[in-house]
Amino acid sequence: MTAAKAEEWTPEAPVTEEVKKICIQIKSDLEKKTGDQFDVFIPKTYRSEPKCGGHYLLKVKVGDDKHVFAMVCPGGGTEDICQTVKGFQYAKSESQPLEPFVTLSTACGK
């Protein structure tokens, strides 16, 4: 299984209010998956894949030049959690580009 082609994703851009809300929704899931507690959690940039119904790549600052890159998909969650973290890359730097990556479940529920 391969990640979506980079050209299918929008360019990296500053987060919007909608994306900030998604980041808030996934914080505890990312903490659980990384095994770390994030005292700092600042959404920085994102990319989206409009053709696939609302998938996002997120860059979130979680410490001194430490970032988490998360692949997030619309999920069958509860009213409070409507997004699902399908993969992440941890301990990335802010200067690293946000590129699509392969996860064990890249298809996001398909």
N, C-alpha and C. Protein backbone atom coordinates (compact mmCIF):
# COMPACT_ATOMS: atom_id res chain seq x y z
N MET A 1 0.86 -1.18 0.00
CA MET A 1 0.00 0.00 0.00
C MET A 1 0.90 1.24 0.00
N THR A 2 0.58 2.21 -0.80
CA THR A 2 1.38 3.43 -0.87
C THR A 2 0.55 4.62 -0.44
N ALA A 3 1.25 5.67 -0.05
CA ALA A 3 0.56 6.91 0.32
C ALA A 3 0.03 7.57 -0.94
N ALA A 4 -0.92 8.44 -0.77
CA ALA A 4 -1.47 9.19 -1.90
C ALA A 4 -0.38 10.00 -2.55
N LYS A 5 -0.51 10.23 -3.83
CA LYS A 5 0.46 11.04 -4.54
C LYS A 5 0.46 12.45 -3.97
N ALA A 6 1.65 13.02 -3.84
CA ALA A 6 1.79 14.36 -3.24
C ALA A 6 0.99 15.40 -4.00
N GLU A 7 0.85 15.25 -5.32
CA GLU A 7 0.12 16.27 -6.08
C GLU A 7 -1.38 16.24 -5.82
N GLU A 8 -1.89 15.20 -5.18
CA GLU A 8 -3.31 15.14 -4.83
C GLU A 8 -3.61 15.92 -3.56
N TRP A 9 -2.59 16.34 -2.87
CA TRP A 9 -2.73 17.10 -1.62
C TRP A 9 -2.56 18.58 -1.90
N THR A 10 -3.24 19.42 -1.13
CA THR A 10 -3.06 20.86 -1.25
C THR A 10 -1.66 21.24 -0.77
N PRO A 11 -1.17 22.41 -1.14
CA PRO A 11 0.12 22.87 -0.61
C PRO A 11 0.02 23.08 0.91
N GLU A 12 1.15 23.00 1.58
CA GLU A 12 1.19 23.26 3.03
C GLU A 12 0.79 24.71 3.30
N ALA A 13 -0.10 24.90 4.27
CA ALA A 13 -0.64 26.24 4.55
C ALA A 13 -0.84 26.39 6.07
N PRO A 14 -0.90 27.65 6.55
CA PRO A 14 -1.20 27.88 7.96
C PRO A 14 -2.58 27.30 8.31
N VAL A 15 -2.72 26.84 9.55
CA VAL A 15 -3.98 26.22 9.95
C VAL A 15 -5.13 27.22 9.95
N THR A 16 -6.31 26.71 9.69
CA THR A 16 -7.55 27.47 9.75
C THR A 16 -8.24 27.17 11.08
N GLU A 17 -9.32 27.86 11.37
CA GLU A 17 -10.08 27.58 12.59
C GLU A 17 -10.60 26.15 12.59
N GLU A 18 -11.07 25.68 11.44
CA GLU A 18 -11.56 24.30 11.32
C GLU A 18 -10.46 23.30 11.66
N VAL A 19 -9.26 23.53 11.13
CA VAL A 19 -8.14 22.62 11.38
C VAL A 19 -7.72 22.68 12.84
N LYS A 20 -7.76 23.85 13.46
CA LYS A 20 -7.45 23.95 14.90
C LYS A 20 -8.39 23.08 15.71
N LYS A 21 -9.68 23.08 15.35
CA LYS A 21 -10.67 22.25 16.06
C LYS A 21 -10.34 20.77 15.91
N ILE A 22 -9.93 20.37 14.72
CA ILE A 22 -9.54 18.98 14.49
C ILE A 22 -8.35 18.62 15.37
N CYS A 23 -7.37 19.51 15.45
CA CYS A 23 -6.19 19.26 16.27
C CYS A 23 -6.57 19.07 17.75
N ILE A 24 -7.47 19.88 18.23
CA ILE A 24 -7.94 19.74 19.61
C ILE A 24 -8.59 18.37 19.81
N GLN A 25 -9.38 17.93 18.81
CA GLN A 25 -10.06 16.65 18.90
C GLN A 25 -9.10 15.47 18.98
N ILE A 26 -7.95 15.57 18.32
CA ILE A 26 -7.05 14.41 18.23
C ILE A 26 -5.92 14.43 19.25
N LYS A 27 -5.82 15.48 20.07
CA LYS A 27 -4.69 15.60 20.99
C LYS A 27 -4.53 14.38 21.89
N SER A 28 -5.59 13.96 22.55
CA SER A 28 -5.45 12.84 23.49
C SER A 28 -5.10 11.54 22.76
N ASP A 29 -5.61 11.37 21.55
CA ASP A 29 -5.26 10.18 20.76
C ASP A 29 -3.78 10.19 20.40
N LEU A 30 -3.26 11.36 20.01
CA LEU A 30 -1.83 11.46 19.70
C LEU A 30 -0.98 11.21 20.94
N GLU A 31 -1.41 11.73 22.08
CA GLU A 31 -0.67 11.49 23.33
C GLU A 31 -0.62 10.00 23.64
N LYS A 32 -1.74 9.34 23.46
CA LYS A 32 -1.81 7.90 23.72
C LYS A 32 -0.90 7.14 22.76
N LYS A 33 -0.96 7.49 21.48
CA LYS A 33 -0.19 6.76 20.47
C LYS A 33 1.30 7.01 20.58
N THR A 34 1.70 8.23 20.98
CA THR A 34 3.13 8.53 21.10
C THR A 34 3.67 8.15 22.47
N GLY A 35 2.78 7.97 23.45
CA GLY A 35 3.22 7.66 24.81
C GLY A 35 3.79 8.87 25.52
N ASP A 36 3.43 10.05 25.07
CA ASP A 36 3.96 11.30 25.62
C ASP A 36 2.82 12.23 25.98
N GLN A 37 3.03 13.06 27.00
CA GLN A 37 2.05 14.09 27.40
C GLN A 37 2.53 15.41 26.80
N PHE A 38 1.67 16.11 26.08
CA PHE A 38 2.07 17.34 25.42
C PHE A 38 1.59 18.55 26.21
N ASP A 39 2.52 19.22 26.89
CA ASP A 39 2.20 20.47 27.58
C ASP A 39 2.04 21.60 26.57
N VAL A 40 2.80 21.50 25.48
CA VAL A 40 2.69 22.43 24.36
C VAL A 40 1.99 21.68 23.25
N PHE A 41 0.97 22.29 22.63
CA PHE A 41 0.25 21.65 21.52
C PHE A 41 -0.30 22.77 20.64
N ILE A 42 0.53 23.21 19.68
CA ILE A 42 0.19 24.36 18.85
C ILE A 42 0.12 23.94 17.38
N PRO A 43 -1.08 23.89 16.82
CA PRO A 43 -1.22 23.58 15.39
C PRO A 43 -0.49 24.63 14.55
N LYS A 44 0.32 24.18 13.59
CA LYS A 44 1.11 25.11 12.79
C LYS A 44 0.65 25.16 11.33
N THR A 45 0.74 24.04 10.62
CA THR A 45 0.38 24.01 9.21
C THR A 45 -0.38 22.72 8.90
N TYR A 46 -0.96 22.68 7.71
CA TYR A 46 -1.69 21.49 7.30
C TYR A 46 -1.72 21.37 5.78
N ARG A 47 -2.07 20.18 5.33
CA ARG A 47 -2.39 19.91 3.93
C ARG A 47 -3.66 19.08 3.94
N SER A 48 -4.44 19.18 2.89
CA SER A 48 -5.65 18.36 2.81
C SER A 48 -5.69 17.64 1.47
N GLU A 49 -6.50 16.59 1.43
CA GLU A 49 -6.69 15.81 0.22
C GLU A 49 -8.18 15.86 -0.11
N PRO A 50 -8.61 16.91 -0.81
CA PRO A 50 -10.04 17.13 -1.05
C PRO A 50 -10.73 15.99 -1.79
N LYS A 51 -10.03 15.29 -2.66
CA LYS A 51 -10.66 14.23 -3.45
C LYS A 51 -11.10 13.05 -2.59
N CYS A 52 -10.51 12.91 -1.42
CA CYS A 52 -10.81 11.74 -0.58
C CYS A 52 -11.70 12.09 0.61
N GLY A 53 -12.38 13.19 0.58
CA GLY A 53 -13.39 13.47 1.58
C GLY A 53 -12.91 13.96 2.93
N GLY A 54 -11.93 14.82 2.95
CA GLY A 54 -11.58 15.47 4.21
C GLY A 54 -10.41 14.90 4.97
N HIS A 55 -9.46 14.30 4.29
CA HIS A 55 -8.25 13.81 4.95
C HIS A 55 -7.28 14.97 5.13
N TYR A 56 -6.55 14.93 6.24
CA TYR A 56 -5.61 16.01 6.56
C TYR A 56 -4.26 15.45 6.96
N LEU A 57 -3.22 16.21 6.64
CA LEU A 57 -1.90 16.04 7.21
C LEU A 57 -1.69 17.27 8.08
N LEU A 58 -1.31 17.06 9.32
CA LEU A 58 -1.19 18.17 10.27
C LEU A 58 0.22 18.24 10.83
N LYS A 59 0.72 19.45 11.01
CA LYS A 59 2.00 19.69 11.69
C LYS A 59 1.66 20.43 12.97
N VAL A 60 1.97 19.81 14.12
CA VAL A 60 1.63 20.38 15.41
C VAL A 60 2.89 20.49 16.26
N LYS A 61 3.15 21.69 16.78
CA LYS A 61 4.30 21.90 17.67
C LYS A 61 3.97 21.32 19.04
N VAL A 62 4.87 20.46 19.54
CA VAL A 62 4.64 19.83 20.84
C VAL A 62 5.80 20.06 21.82
N GLY A 63 6.76 20.89 21.44
CA GLY A 63 7.90 21.21 22.30
C GLY A 63 8.89 22.09 21.56
N ASP A 64 10.04 22.31 22.18
CA ASP A 64 11.09 23.12 21.55
C ASP A 64 11.52 22.48 20.25
N ASP A 65 11.10 23.07 19.14
CA ASP A 65 11.36 22.56 17.78
C ASP A 65 11.09 21.06 17.67
N LYS A 66 10.10 20.58 18.40
CA LYS A 66 9.64 19.19 18.27
C LYS A 66 8.20 19.23 17.80
N HIS A 67 7.94 18.51 16.72
CA HIS A 67 6.62 18.51 16.10
C HIS A 67 6.13 17.10 15.87
N VAL A 68 4.82 16.95 15.81
CA VAL A 68 4.18 15.72 15.40
C VAL A 68 3.53 15.99 14.06
N PHE A 69 3.74 15.09 13.10
CA PHE A 69 3.02 15.12 11.83
C PHE A 69 1.96 14.04 11.94
N ALA A 70 0.71 14.37 11.72
CA ALA A 70 -0.37 13.40 11.86
C ALA A 70 -1.20 13.30 10.60
N MET A 71 -1.54 12.07 10.21
CA MET A 71 -2.47 11.84 9.12
C MET A 71 -3.83 11.57 9.77
N VAL A 72 -4.80 12.43 9.44
CA VAL A 72 -6.10 12.39 10.09
C VAL A 72 -7.18 12.22 9.04
N CYS A 73 -8.12 11.35 9.34
CA CYS A 73 -9.20 11.04 8.41
C CYS A 73 -10.54 11.20 9.09
N PRO A 74 -11.59 11.48 8.32
CA PRO A 74 -12.92 11.50 8.93
C PRO A 74 -13.17 10.13 9.55
N GLY A 75 -13.61 10.13 10.78
CA GLY A 75 -13.78 8.85 11.46
C GLY A 75 -15.21 8.60 11.86
N GLY A 76 -15.47 7.39 12.17
CA GLY A 76 -16.78 7.01 12.66
C GLY A 76 -16.82 7.15 14.16
N GLY A 77 -16.32 8.26 14.66
CA GLY A 77 -16.25 8.45 16.10
C GLY A 77 -17.53 9.01 16.68
N THR A 78 -17.44 9.41 17.92
CA THR A 78 -18.58 9.98 18.61
C THR A 78 -18.76 11.42 18.17
N GLU A 79 -19.76 12.07 18.68
CA GLU A 79 -20.01 13.48 18.37
C GLU A 79 -18.81 14.34 18.78
N ASP A 80 -18.13 13.95 19.87
CA ASP A 80 -16.99 14.72 20.36
C ASP A 80 -15.72 14.46 19.55
N ILE A 81 -15.59 13.26 19.00
CA ILE A 81 -14.39 12.91 18.25
C ILE A 81 -14.82 12.41 16.89
N CYS A 82 -14.76 13.29 15.90
CA CYS A 82 -15.21 12.91 14.56
C CYS A 82 -14.04 12.74 13.60
N GLN A 83 -12.82 12.71 14.13
CA GLN A 83 -11.64 12.51 13.31
C GLN A 83 -10.84 11.34 13.89
N THR A 84 -10.11 10.63 13.04
CA THR A 84 -9.33 9.49 13.45
C THR A 84 -7.88 9.68 13.02
N VAL A 85 -6.94 9.48 13.93
CA VAL A 85 -5.52 9.53 13.60
C VAL A 85 -5.16 8.18 12.99
N LYS A 86 -4.77 8.19 11.73
CA LYS A 86 -4.41 6.96 11.04
C LYS A 86 -2.91 6.73 11.01
N GLY A 87 -2.15 7.74 11.33
CA GLY A 87 -0.70 7.58 11.37
C GLY A 87 -0.06 8.86 11.87
N PHE A 88 1.17 8.74 12.33
CA PHE A 88 1.89 9.93 12.79
C PHE A 88 3.38 9.73 12.63
N GLN A 89 4.09 10.83 12.58
CA GLN A 89 5.55 10.85 12.61
C GLN A 89 5.91 11.80 13.75
N TYR A 90 6.77 11.32 14.65
CA TYR A 90 7.03 12.07 15.87
C TYR A 90 8.48 12.54 15.92
N ALA A 91 8.67 13.64 16.65
CA ALA A 91 9.97 14.28 16.83
C ALA A 91 10.51 14.82 15.51
N LYS A 92 9.64 15.43 14.74
CA LYS A 92 10.01 16.10 13.51
C LYS A 92 10.32 17.57 13.84
N SER A 93 11.02 18.26 12.94
CA SER A 93 11.30 19.67 13.17
C SER A 93 10.36 20.54 12.34
N GLU A 94 10.22 21.79 12.75
CA GLU A 94 9.34 22.71 12.02
C GLU A 94 9.80 22.91 10.58
N SER A 95 11.10 22.83 10.36
CA SER A 95 11.62 23.08 9.01
C SER A 95 11.39 21.91 8.05
N GLN A 96 11.05 20.76 8.57
CA GLN A 96 10.80 19.61 7.70
C GLN A 96 9.47 19.78 6.98
N PRO A 97 9.44 19.50 5.67
CA PRO A 97 8.19 19.66 4.92
C PRO A 97 7.16 18.61 5.32
N LEU A 98 5.92 18.99 5.26
CA LEU A 98 4.81 18.11 5.58
C LEU A 98 4.43 17.35 4.31
N GLU A 99 4.88 16.10 4.24
CA GLU A 99 4.65 15.28 3.04
C GLU A 99 3.80 14.07 3.39
N PRO A 100 2.95 13.62 2.45
CA PRO A 100 2.17 12.40 2.70
C PRO A 100 3.11 11.25 3.02
N PHE A 101 2.69 10.38 3.93
CA PHE A 101 3.50 9.24 4.30
C PHE A 101 2.62 8.00 4.39
N VAL A 102 3.26 6.85 4.32
CA VAL A 102 2.58 5.57 4.36
C VAL A 102 2.28 5.22 5.81
N THR A 103 1.05 4.79 6.06
CA THR A 103 0.67 4.29 7.39
C THR A 103 0.14 2.87 7.20
N LEU A 104 -0.04 2.16 8.30
CA LEU A 104 -0.61 0.83 8.22
C LEU A 104 -2.03 0.86 7.69
N SER A 105 -2.70 2.00 7.86
CA SER A 105 -4.08 2.12 7.38
C SER A 105 -4.24 3.40 6.57
N THR A 106 -3.39 3.59 5.58
CA THR A 106 -3.40 4.80 4.77
C THR A 106 -4.75 5.02 4.10
N ALA A 107 -5.47 3.96 3.83
CA ALA A 107 -6.74 4.09 3.11
C ALA A 107 -7.82 4.76 3.95
N CYS A 108 -7.58 4.99 5.22
CA CYS A 108 -8.53 5.70 6.08
C CYS A 108 -9.92 5.09 6.06
N GLY A 109 -9.96 3.84 6.43
CA GLY A 109 -11.27 3.19 6.59
C GLY A 109 -11.82 2.58 5.33
N LYS A 110 -11.10 2.62 4.25
CA LYS A 110 -11.61 2.05 2.99
C LYS A 110 -11.15 0.62 2.85
